[in-house]
N, C-alpha and C. Protein backbone atom coordinates (compact mmCIF):
# COMPACT_ATOMS: atom_id res chain seq x y z
N MET A 1 26.86 1.50 -24.59
CA MET A 1 26.25 0.29 -24.07
C MET A 1 25.02 -0.03 -24.93
N THR A 2 24.85 -1.28 -25.30
CA THR A 2 23.72 -1.67 -26.14
C THR A 2 22.44 -1.70 -25.32
N ASN A 3 21.31 -1.68 -26.03
CA ASN A 3 20.02 -1.75 -25.35
C ASN A 3 19.87 -3.05 -24.58
N ASP A 4 20.40 -4.16 -25.15
CA ASP A 4 20.31 -5.45 -24.46
C ASP A 4 21.07 -5.42 -23.14
N ARG A 5 22.23 -4.80 -23.13
CA ARG A 5 23.02 -4.71 -21.89
C ARG A 5 22.33 -3.80 -20.89
N LEU A 6 21.74 -2.70 -21.37
CA LEU A 6 21.00 -1.82 -20.47
C LEU A 6 19.81 -2.54 -19.87
N LEU A 7 19.08 -3.29 -20.69
CA LEU A 7 17.92 -4.02 -20.21
C LEU A 7 18.35 -5.08 -19.20
N GLY A 8 19.45 -5.76 -19.48
CA GLY A 8 19.96 -6.76 -18.55
C GLY A 8 20.33 -6.14 -17.21
N ARG A 9 20.98 -5.00 -17.25
CA ARG A 9 21.35 -4.30 -16.02
C ARG A 9 20.08 -3.88 -15.26
N TYR A 10 19.06 -3.38 -15.98
CA TYR A 10 17.80 -2.98 -15.38
C TYR A 10 17.13 -4.19 -14.72
N ASN A 11 17.06 -5.30 -15.46
CA ASN A 11 16.41 -6.48 -14.91
C ASN A 11 17.14 -7.03 -13.69
N SER A 12 18.48 -6.98 -13.68
CA SER A 12 19.19 -7.49 -12.52
C SER A 12 18.95 -6.59 -11.31
N CYS A 13 18.83 -5.29 -11.52
CA CYS A 13 18.50 -4.39 -10.41
C CYS A 13 17.09 -4.65 -9.91
N MET A 14 16.17 -4.87 -10.82
CA MET A 14 14.77 -5.10 -10.46
C MET A 14 14.61 -6.36 -9.63
N SER A 15 15.45 -7.37 -9.88
CA SER A 15 15.28 -8.63 -9.17
C SER A 15 15.51 -8.46 -7.67
N TYR A 16 16.18 -7.38 -7.27
CA TYR A 16 16.44 -7.15 -5.86
C TYR A 16 15.46 -6.17 -5.23
N SER A 17 14.59 -5.55 -6.00
CA SER A 17 13.68 -4.56 -5.45
C SER A 17 12.52 -5.24 -4.71
N ARG A 18 11.96 -4.51 -3.77
CA ARG A 18 10.80 -5.03 -3.04
C ARG A 18 9.64 -5.29 -4.00
N GLU A 19 9.42 -4.38 -4.94
CA GLU A 19 8.28 -4.56 -5.83
C GLU A 19 8.45 -5.79 -6.72
N ALA A 20 9.68 -6.10 -7.11
CA ALA A 20 9.93 -7.31 -7.91
C ALA A 20 9.73 -8.56 -7.04
N LYS A 21 10.22 -8.51 -5.80
CA LYS A 21 10.05 -9.64 -4.90
C LYS A 21 8.57 -9.88 -4.62
N LEU A 22 7.82 -8.79 -4.39
CA LEU A 22 6.38 -8.92 -4.17
C LEU A 22 5.72 -9.54 -5.39
N GLY A 23 6.08 -9.07 -6.57
CA GLY A 23 5.51 -9.62 -7.79
C GLY A 23 5.79 -11.10 -7.95
N ARG A 24 7.01 -11.49 -7.65
CA ARG A 24 7.38 -12.90 -7.76
C ARG A 24 6.55 -13.75 -6.79
N LEU A 25 6.37 -13.26 -5.56
CA LEU A 25 5.56 -13.99 -4.58
C LEU A 25 4.09 -14.08 -5.00
N LEU A 26 3.56 -12.99 -5.52
CA LEU A 26 2.17 -13.02 -5.99
C LEU A 26 2.00 -14.00 -7.13
N GLN A 27 2.95 -14.02 -8.06
CA GLN A 27 2.89 -14.97 -9.17
C GLN A 27 3.00 -16.41 -8.68
N GLU A 28 3.92 -16.65 -7.76
CA GLU A 28 4.13 -18.01 -7.23
C GLU A 28 2.89 -18.53 -6.50
N THR A 29 2.19 -17.64 -5.79
CA THR A 29 1.02 -18.06 -5.03
C THR A 29 -0.28 -17.93 -5.82
N GLY A 30 -0.20 -17.32 -6.99
CA GLY A 30 -1.39 -17.14 -7.82
C GLY A 30 -2.40 -16.16 -7.25
N GLN A 31 -1.93 -15.20 -6.45
CA GLN A 31 -2.83 -14.24 -5.83
C GLN A 31 -2.78 -12.89 -6.52
N SER A 32 -3.87 -12.15 -6.36
CA SER A 32 -3.95 -10.80 -6.93
C SER A 32 -3.96 -9.77 -5.82
N LEU A 33 -3.59 -8.54 -6.18
CA LEU A 33 -3.45 -7.46 -5.21
C LEU A 33 -4.09 -6.19 -5.74
N ALA A 34 -4.74 -5.44 -4.85
CA ALA A 34 -5.26 -4.11 -5.15
C ALA A 34 -4.85 -3.20 -3.99
N VAL A 35 -4.66 -1.91 -4.28
CA VAL A 35 -4.19 -0.98 -3.24
C VAL A 35 -5.15 0.20 -3.09
N ALA A 36 -5.26 0.65 -1.85
CA ALA A 36 -6.00 1.87 -1.51
C ALA A 36 -5.00 2.80 -0.84
N GLU A 37 -4.68 3.89 -1.48
CA GLU A 37 -3.64 4.78 -1.00
C GLU A 37 -4.21 6.15 -0.65
N SER A 38 -3.76 6.68 0.47
CA SER A 38 -4.08 8.04 0.83
C SER A 38 -2.80 8.87 0.77
N CYS A 39 -2.01 8.87 1.82
CA CYS A 39 -0.84 9.76 1.88
C CYS A 39 0.23 9.46 0.84
N THR A 40 0.26 8.25 0.30
CA THR A 40 1.27 7.92 -0.71
C THR A 40 0.86 8.35 -2.12
N GLY A 41 -0.37 8.73 -2.30
CA GLY A 41 -0.83 9.34 -3.54
C GLY A 41 -0.59 8.55 -4.81
N GLY A 42 -0.59 7.24 -4.75
CA GLY A 42 -0.38 6.41 -5.93
C GLY A 42 1.03 5.85 -6.07
N LEU A 43 1.88 6.16 -5.13
CA LEU A 43 3.27 5.71 -5.20
C LEU A 43 3.39 4.19 -5.13
N ILE A 44 2.59 3.54 -4.33
CA ILE A 44 2.65 2.08 -4.22
C ILE A 44 2.28 1.45 -5.56
N GLY A 45 1.18 1.92 -6.14
CA GLY A 45 0.79 1.40 -7.45
C GLY A 45 1.85 1.66 -8.50
N ASN A 46 2.49 2.82 -8.44
CA ASN A 46 3.56 3.14 -9.37
C ASN A 46 4.73 2.16 -9.23
N LEU A 47 5.13 1.90 -8.00
CA LEU A 47 6.24 0.97 -7.77
C LEU A 47 5.89 -0.43 -8.29
N ILE A 48 4.69 -0.89 -7.98
CA ILE A 48 4.28 -2.23 -8.42
C ILE A 48 4.28 -2.34 -9.93
N THR A 49 3.77 -1.31 -10.59
CA THR A 49 3.67 -1.37 -12.06
C THR A 49 4.99 -1.07 -12.76
N ASN A 50 6.04 -0.75 -12.02
CA ASN A 50 7.37 -0.64 -12.61
C ASN A 50 7.93 -2.00 -12.99
N VAL A 51 7.35 -3.06 -12.46
CA VAL A 51 7.82 -4.42 -12.71
C VAL A 51 7.13 -4.96 -13.96
N PRO A 52 7.91 -5.36 -14.97
CA PRO A 52 7.30 -5.96 -16.16
C PRO A 52 6.47 -7.18 -15.79
N GLY A 53 5.29 -7.31 -16.35
CA GLY A 53 4.42 -8.44 -16.07
C GLY A 53 3.50 -8.25 -14.88
N SER A 54 3.54 -7.07 -14.26
CA SER A 54 2.72 -6.84 -13.06
C SER A 54 1.22 -6.91 -13.34
N SER A 55 0.83 -6.79 -14.59
CA SER A 55 -0.59 -6.87 -14.91
C SER A 55 -1.16 -8.27 -14.64
N SER A 56 -0.29 -9.25 -14.45
CA SER A 56 -0.78 -10.60 -14.16
C SER A 56 -1.23 -10.77 -12.71
N TYR A 57 -0.86 -9.84 -11.83
CA TYR A 57 -1.24 -9.97 -10.42
C TYR A 57 -1.75 -8.67 -9.80
N PHE A 58 -1.48 -7.53 -10.41
CA PHE A 58 -1.93 -6.26 -9.85
C PHE A 58 -3.21 -5.82 -10.55
N ILE A 59 -4.29 -5.73 -9.78
CA ILE A 59 -5.59 -5.37 -10.33
C ILE A 59 -5.69 -3.86 -10.53
N GLY A 60 -5.27 -3.08 -9.55
CA GLY A 60 -5.35 -1.64 -9.64
C GLY A 60 -5.45 -1.02 -8.27
N GLY A 61 -5.77 0.26 -8.25
CA GLY A 61 -5.85 0.94 -6.98
C GLY A 61 -6.73 2.17 -7.02
N VAL A 62 -6.95 2.70 -5.84
CA VAL A 62 -7.72 3.92 -5.66
C VAL A 62 -6.89 4.86 -4.79
N ILE A 63 -6.75 6.10 -5.23
CA ILE A 63 -6.12 7.12 -4.40
C ILE A 63 -7.25 7.78 -3.63
N ALA A 64 -7.37 7.42 -2.38
CA ALA A 64 -8.47 7.88 -1.52
C ALA A 64 -7.93 8.97 -0.61
N TYR A 65 -7.60 10.10 -1.19
CA TYR A 65 -7.02 11.19 -0.43
C TYR A 65 -8.06 11.88 0.45
N ALA A 66 -9.23 12.09 -0.10
CA ALA A 66 -10.32 12.73 0.65
C ALA A 66 -11.13 11.68 1.40
N ASN A 67 -11.61 12.06 2.58
CA ASN A 67 -12.44 11.14 3.35
C ASN A 67 -13.68 10.70 2.59
N GLU A 68 -14.21 11.58 1.74
CA GLU A 68 -15.40 11.22 0.96
C GLU A 68 -15.12 10.03 0.06
N VAL A 69 -13.92 9.94 -0.48
CA VAL A 69 -13.56 8.80 -1.33
C VAL A 69 -13.43 7.54 -0.48
N LYS A 70 -12.87 7.68 0.70
CA LYS A 70 -12.76 6.53 1.60
C LYS A 70 -14.16 5.96 1.90
N VAL A 71 -15.12 6.85 2.12
CA VAL A 71 -16.47 6.43 2.46
C VAL A 71 -17.23 5.95 1.22
N GLU A 72 -17.30 6.78 0.19
CA GLU A 72 -18.16 6.50 -0.95
C GLU A 72 -17.63 5.43 -1.89
N ILE A 73 -16.32 5.30 -2.03
CA ILE A 73 -15.75 4.32 -2.95
C ILE A 73 -15.29 3.06 -2.21
N LEU A 74 -14.61 3.24 -1.08
CA LEU A 74 -14.02 2.10 -0.38
C LEU A 74 -14.91 1.53 0.72
N GLY A 75 -15.98 2.22 1.08
CA GLY A 75 -16.90 1.70 2.08
C GLY A 75 -16.45 1.86 3.52
N VAL A 76 -15.50 2.78 3.77
CA VAL A 76 -15.12 3.07 5.15
C VAL A 76 -16.33 3.74 5.82
N LYS A 77 -16.65 3.30 7.01
CA LYS A 77 -17.80 3.85 7.72
C LYS A 77 -17.49 5.27 8.21
N SER A 78 -18.46 6.16 8.06
CA SER A 78 -18.31 7.53 8.58
C SER A 78 -18.07 7.51 10.07
N THR A 79 -18.70 6.56 10.75
CA THR A 79 -18.51 6.46 12.20
C THR A 79 -17.07 6.08 12.55
N THR A 80 -16.44 5.31 11.68
CA THR A 80 -15.02 4.95 11.90
C THR A 80 -14.16 6.20 11.81
N LEU A 81 -14.38 6.99 10.78
CA LEU A 81 -13.62 8.23 10.60
C LEU A 81 -13.88 9.20 11.75
N ASP A 82 -15.14 9.31 12.17
CA ASP A 82 -15.49 10.22 13.27
C ASP A 82 -14.86 9.77 14.59
N SER A 83 -14.84 8.47 14.82
CA SER A 83 -14.35 7.95 16.09
C SER A 83 -12.82 7.85 16.17
N PHE A 84 -12.21 7.44 15.05
CA PHE A 84 -10.77 7.13 15.08
C PHE A 84 -9.92 8.01 14.18
N GLY A 85 -10.55 8.68 13.21
CA GLY A 85 -9.81 9.52 12.27
C GLY A 85 -9.36 8.74 11.04
N ALA A 86 -8.92 9.48 10.04
CA ALA A 86 -8.48 8.87 8.79
C ALA A 86 -7.18 8.10 8.97
N VAL A 87 -6.36 8.54 9.90
CA VAL A 87 -5.07 7.90 10.15
C VAL A 87 -5.21 7.03 11.39
N SER A 88 -5.70 5.80 11.16
CA SER A 88 -5.97 4.89 12.27
C SER A 88 -5.98 3.45 11.78
N LYS A 89 -5.80 2.56 12.72
CA LYS A 89 -5.86 1.13 12.45
C LYS A 89 -7.21 0.76 11.84
N GLU A 90 -8.27 1.26 12.44
CA GLU A 90 -9.62 0.90 12.00
C GLU A 90 -9.87 1.36 10.57
N THR A 91 -9.41 2.56 10.24
CA THR A 91 -9.64 3.08 8.89
C THR A 91 -8.87 2.28 7.84
N VAL A 92 -7.59 1.98 8.09
CA VAL A 92 -6.84 1.24 7.07
C VAL A 92 -7.35 -0.19 6.93
N GLN A 93 -7.87 -0.76 8.01
CA GLN A 93 -8.46 -2.10 7.89
C GLN A 93 -9.70 -2.06 7.00
N GLU A 94 -10.53 -1.04 7.17
CA GLU A 94 -11.72 -0.91 6.32
C GLU A 94 -11.34 -0.56 4.89
N MET A 95 -10.29 0.24 4.72
CA MET A 95 -9.81 0.56 3.36
C MET A 95 -9.32 -0.70 2.65
N ALA A 96 -8.56 -1.54 3.36
CA ALA A 96 -8.04 -2.77 2.76
C ALA A 96 -9.18 -3.70 2.36
N LYS A 97 -10.16 -3.82 3.23
CA LYS A 97 -11.32 -4.67 2.91
C LYS A 97 -12.09 -4.08 1.73
N GLY A 98 -12.26 -2.77 1.75
CA GLY A 98 -13.02 -2.12 0.68
C GLY A 98 -12.38 -2.26 -0.68
N ILE A 99 -11.06 -2.08 -0.77
CA ILE A 99 -10.39 -2.19 -2.07
C ILE A 99 -10.37 -3.63 -2.55
N ARG A 100 -10.19 -4.55 -1.62
CA ARG A 100 -10.20 -5.97 -1.98
C ARG A 100 -11.55 -6.37 -2.55
N THR A 101 -12.60 -5.92 -1.90
CA THR A 101 -13.96 -6.23 -2.35
C THR A 101 -14.28 -5.53 -3.66
N LEU A 102 -13.98 -4.25 -3.75
CA LEU A 102 -14.27 -3.45 -4.94
C LEU A 102 -13.60 -4.03 -6.18
N PHE A 103 -12.37 -4.48 -6.05
CA PHE A 103 -11.61 -4.98 -7.20
C PHE A 103 -11.59 -6.51 -7.29
N ASN A 104 -12.29 -7.17 -6.36
CA ASN A 104 -12.33 -8.63 -6.33
C ASN A 104 -10.92 -9.21 -6.32
N ALA A 105 -10.06 -8.65 -5.48
CA ALA A 105 -8.68 -9.09 -5.37
C ALA A 105 -8.52 -10.03 -4.18
N ASP A 106 -7.49 -10.83 -4.22
CA ASP A 106 -7.20 -11.72 -3.10
C ASP A 106 -6.68 -10.95 -1.89
N ILE A 107 -5.89 -9.90 -2.16
CA ILE A 107 -5.26 -9.12 -1.10
C ILE A 107 -5.56 -7.64 -1.31
N GLY A 108 -5.95 -6.97 -0.24
CA GLY A 108 -6.11 -5.53 -0.24
C GLY A 108 -5.03 -4.92 0.62
N LEU A 109 -4.34 -3.92 0.10
CA LEU A 109 -3.26 -3.23 0.81
C LEU A 109 -3.65 -1.77 0.90
N SER A 110 -3.55 -1.18 2.09
CA SER A 110 -3.99 0.20 2.26
C SER A 110 -3.00 1.00 3.09
N VAL A 111 -3.02 2.32 2.88
CA VAL A 111 -2.14 3.21 3.64
C VAL A 111 -2.82 4.55 3.85
N SER A 112 -2.68 5.08 5.07
CA SER A 112 -3.18 6.40 5.40
C SER A 112 -2.25 7.00 6.44
N GLY A 113 -1.87 8.27 6.22
CA GLY A 113 -0.93 8.86 7.14
C GLY A 113 -0.83 10.36 7.00
N ILE A 114 0.10 10.93 7.74
CA ILE A 114 0.33 12.38 7.75
C ILE A 114 1.75 12.61 7.22
N ALA A 115 1.84 13.03 5.97
CA ALA A 115 3.15 13.21 5.33
C ALA A 115 3.76 14.58 5.63
N GLY A 116 2.96 15.52 6.07
CA GLY A 116 3.48 16.83 6.48
C GLY A 116 3.66 17.80 5.32
N PRO A 117 4.22 18.91 5.55
CA PRO A 117 4.82 19.32 6.83
C PRO A 117 3.79 19.75 7.87
N GLU A 118 2.55 20.02 7.45
CA GLU A 118 1.49 20.36 8.41
C GLU A 118 0.60 19.15 8.62
N GLY A 119 -0.35 19.31 9.54
CA GLY A 119 -1.38 18.30 9.74
C GLY A 119 -1.16 17.40 10.94
N GLY A 120 0.00 17.45 11.53
CA GLY A 120 0.25 16.60 12.69
C GLY A 120 -0.35 17.17 13.96
N THR A 121 -0.56 16.29 14.92
CA THR A 121 -1.04 16.68 16.25
C THR A 121 -0.15 15.99 17.28
N MET A 122 -0.39 16.27 18.53
CA MET A 122 0.36 15.59 19.60
C MET A 122 0.12 14.08 19.55
N GLU A 123 -1.13 13.68 19.31
CA GLU A 123 -1.47 12.26 19.27
C GLU A 123 -1.01 11.60 17.98
N LYS A 124 -1.04 12.36 16.89
CA LYS A 124 -0.65 11.85 15.58
C LYS A 124 0.27 12.86 14.91
N PRO A 125 1.56 12.79 15.24
CA PRO A 125 2.50 13.76 14.65
C PRO A 125 2.76 13.47 13.17
N VAL A 126 3.33 14.46 12.49
CA VAL A 126 3.76 14.27 11.11
C VAL A 126 4.64 13.03 11.07
N GLY A 127 4.40 12.19 10.09
CA GLY A 127 5.15 10.94 9.94
C GLY A 127 4.39 9.72 10.42
N THR A 128 3.24 9.94 11.09
CA THR A 128 2.40 8.83 11.53
C THR A 128 1.73 8.22 10.31
N VAL A 129 1.90 6.92 10.14
CA VAL A 129 1.31 6.21 9.01
C VAL A 129 0.80 4.86 9.50
N TRP A 130 -0.41 4.53 9.07
CA TRP A 130 -0.98 3.20 9.30
C TRP A 130 -1.04 2.49 7.96
N ILE A 131 -0.66 1.21 7.97
CA ILE A 131 -0.70 0.38 6.77
C ILE A 131 -1.53 -0.85 7.10
N GLY A 132 -2.49 -1.16 6.23
CA GLY A 132 -3.36 -2.30 6.44
C GLY A 132 -3.24 -3.31 5.32
N LEU A 133 -3.45 -4.57 5.66
CA LEU A 133 -3.48 -5.64 4.67
C LEU A 133 -4.62 -6.56 5.05
N GLY A 134 -5.43 -6.91 4.07
CA GLY A 134 -6.55 -7.78 4.36
C GLY A 134 -6.80 -8.80 3.27
N THR A 135 -7.24 -9.99 3.70
CA THR A 135 -7.71 -11.04 2.80
C THR A 135 -9.04 -11.52 3.36
N THR A 136 -9.60 -12.55 2.79
CA THR A 136 -10.87 -13.04 3.33
C THR A 136 -10.67 -13.66 4.72
N GLU A 137 -9.48 -14.18 5.01
CA GLU A 137 -9.23 -14.83 6.30
C GLU A 137 -8.28 -14.08 7.22
N PHE A 138 -7.72 -12.99 6.77
CA PHE A 138 -6.62 -12.37 7.50
C PHE A 138 -6.76 -10.86 7.47
N ASP A 139 -6.41 -10.22 8.59
CA ASP A 139 -6.49 -8.76 8.68
C ASP A 139 -5.35 -8.27 9.56
N ARG A 140 -4.56 -7.34 9.03
CA ARG A 140 -3.42 -6.81 9.79
C ARG A 140 -3.34 -5.31 9.57
N ALA A 141 -2.92 -4.59 10.61
CA ALA A 141 -2.63 -3.17 10.47
C ALA A 141 -1.42 -2.86 11.34
N GLU A 142 -0.51 -2.06 10.80
CA GLU A 142 0.69 -1.68 11.53
C GLU A 142 0.85 -0.18 11.51
N LYS A 143 1.32 0.35 12.63
CA LYS A 143 1.55 1.78 12.77
C LYS A 143 3.04 2.07 12.66
N PHE A 144 3.37 3.16 11.97
CA PHE A 144 4.74 3.59 11.79
C PHE A 144 4.85 5.07 12.15
N LEU A 145 6.03 5.48 12.55
CA LEU A 145 6.33 6.90 12.73
C LEU A 145 7.61 7.18 11.96
N PHE A 146 7.45 7.72 10.77
CA PHE A 146 8.58 8.01 9.89
C PHE A 146 9.06 9.44 10.11
N SER A 147 10.30 9.69 9.75
CA SER A 147 10.84 11.04 9.86
C SER A 147 11.34 11.49 8.50
N GLY A 148 11.55 12.79 8.38
CA GLY A 148 12.04 13.35 7.13
C GLY A 148 11.02 14.29 6.53
N ASP A 149 11.30 14.69 5.30
CA ASP A 149 10.38 15.59 4.61
C ASP A 149 9.23 14.78 4.00
N ARG A 150 8.31 15.50 3.39
CA ARG A 150 7.11 14.89 2.83
C ARG A 150 7.43 13.74 1.87
N GLU A 151 8.32 13.97 0.93
CA GLU A 151 8.66 12.94 -0.05
C GLU A 151 9.28 11.73 0.63
N SER A 152 10.14 11.97 1.60
CA SER A 152 10.78 10.87 2.32
C SER A 152 9.75 10.03 3.07
N ILE A 153 8.80 10.67 3.71
CA ILE A 153 7.75 9.95 4.44
C ILE A 153 6.91 9.12 3.47
N LYS A 154 6.57 9.68 2.33
CA LYS A 154 5.81 8.93 1.32
C LYS A 154 6.59 7.71 0.83
N GLN A 155 7.88 7.89 0.58
CA GLN A 155 8.72 6.77 0.12
C GLN A 155 8.82 5.68 1.19
N GLN A 156 9.04 6.09 2.43
CA GLN A 156 9.14 5.12 3.52
C GLN A 156 7.82 4.35 3.69
N ALA A 157 6.71 5.06 3.57
CA ALA A 157 5.41 4.41 3.71
C ALA A 157 5.18 3.41 2.59
N ALA A 158 5.49 3.80 1.36
CA ALA A 158 5.29 2.90 0.22
C ALA A 158 6.17 1.66 0.34
N GLN A 159 7.43 1.84 0.70
CA GLN A 159 8.33 0.70 0.84
C GLN A 159 7.89 -0.21 1.99
N SER A 160 7.40 0.37 3.07
CA SER A 160 6.92 -0.42 4.20
C SER A 160 5.67 -1.21 3.82
N ALA A 161 4.80 -0.62 3.03
CA ALA A 161 3.60 -1.34 2.58
C ALA A 161 4.00 -2.55 1.73
N LEU A 162 4.95 -2.37 0.83
CA LEU A 162 5.43 -3.50 0.03
C LEU A 162 6.00 -4.58 0.94
N GLU A 163 6.76 -4.17 1.94
CA GLU A 163 7.38 -5.13 2.86
C GLU A 163 6.33 -5.90 3.66
N ILE A 164 5.27 -5.24 4.08
CA ILE A 164 4.18 -5.92 4.79
C ILE A 164 3.55 -6.99 3.91
N ALA A 165 3.32 -6.67 2.65
CA ALA A 165 2.74 -7.65 1.73
C ALA A 165 3.71 -8.80 1.49
N ILE A 166 4.98 -8.51 1.37
CA ILE A 166 5.99 -9.56 1.20
C ILE A 166 6.00 -10.48 2.41
N ARG A 167 6.01 -9.90 3.60
CA ARG A 167 6.00 -10.72 4.83
C ARG A 167 4.77 -11.62 4.88
N TYR A 168 3.61 -11.05 4.54
CA TYR A 168 2.38 -11.84 4.55
C TYR A 168 2.51 -13.03 3.59
N LEU A 169 2.96 -12.78 2.38
CA LEU A 169 3.06 -13.84 1.38
C LEU A 169 4.15 -14.85 1.71
N SER A 170 5.12 -14.45 2.52
CA SER A 170 6.22 -15.36 2.90
C SER A 170 5.89 -16.23 4.11
N GLU A 171 4.84 -15.85 4.85
CA GLU A 171 4.44 -16.61 6.03
C GLU A 171 3.57 -17.78 5.63
N ASP A 172 3.45 -18.74 6.53
CA ASP A 172 2.52 -19.85 6.32
C ASP A 172 1.15 -19.41 6.83
N ASN A 173 0.27 -19.04 5.92
CA ASN A 173 -1.07 -18.58 6.31
C ASN A 173 -2.11 -19.63 6.03
């Protein structure tokens, strides 16, 4: 198979991916995106940058695995972490706002969760993930409970984050 045919096959597959759809929507609306990732460890940024031309809408991201990074880089309040924990609606909302502000992006997308196999509690079992999206006029956070092994939970969280951004860009806001 020639390189041109391989590239064509790659591009046709990409046109159906969430990351390609997200990129197309960001380009159509002229908006930029930045991500703050905890449990996904950079997977969302990796997926987004798999799309050729993503540099026109993707500003970058921060892997805020440690709470200190959430506080010192993203501006999450220590009181938020103390009151609600790292895996909470309040934390991902502050993470989304922080990354959007830090990178001067139109949209901030954030994720924090428990990928396992340890770390879960009765209130927040392994697979609990919060995903946040924020703009200057809009703020959303959704809770998920994924199942599977660590890698599966990370993949589900990353794909769900892309889907949340797609839904936002597809709505009349």
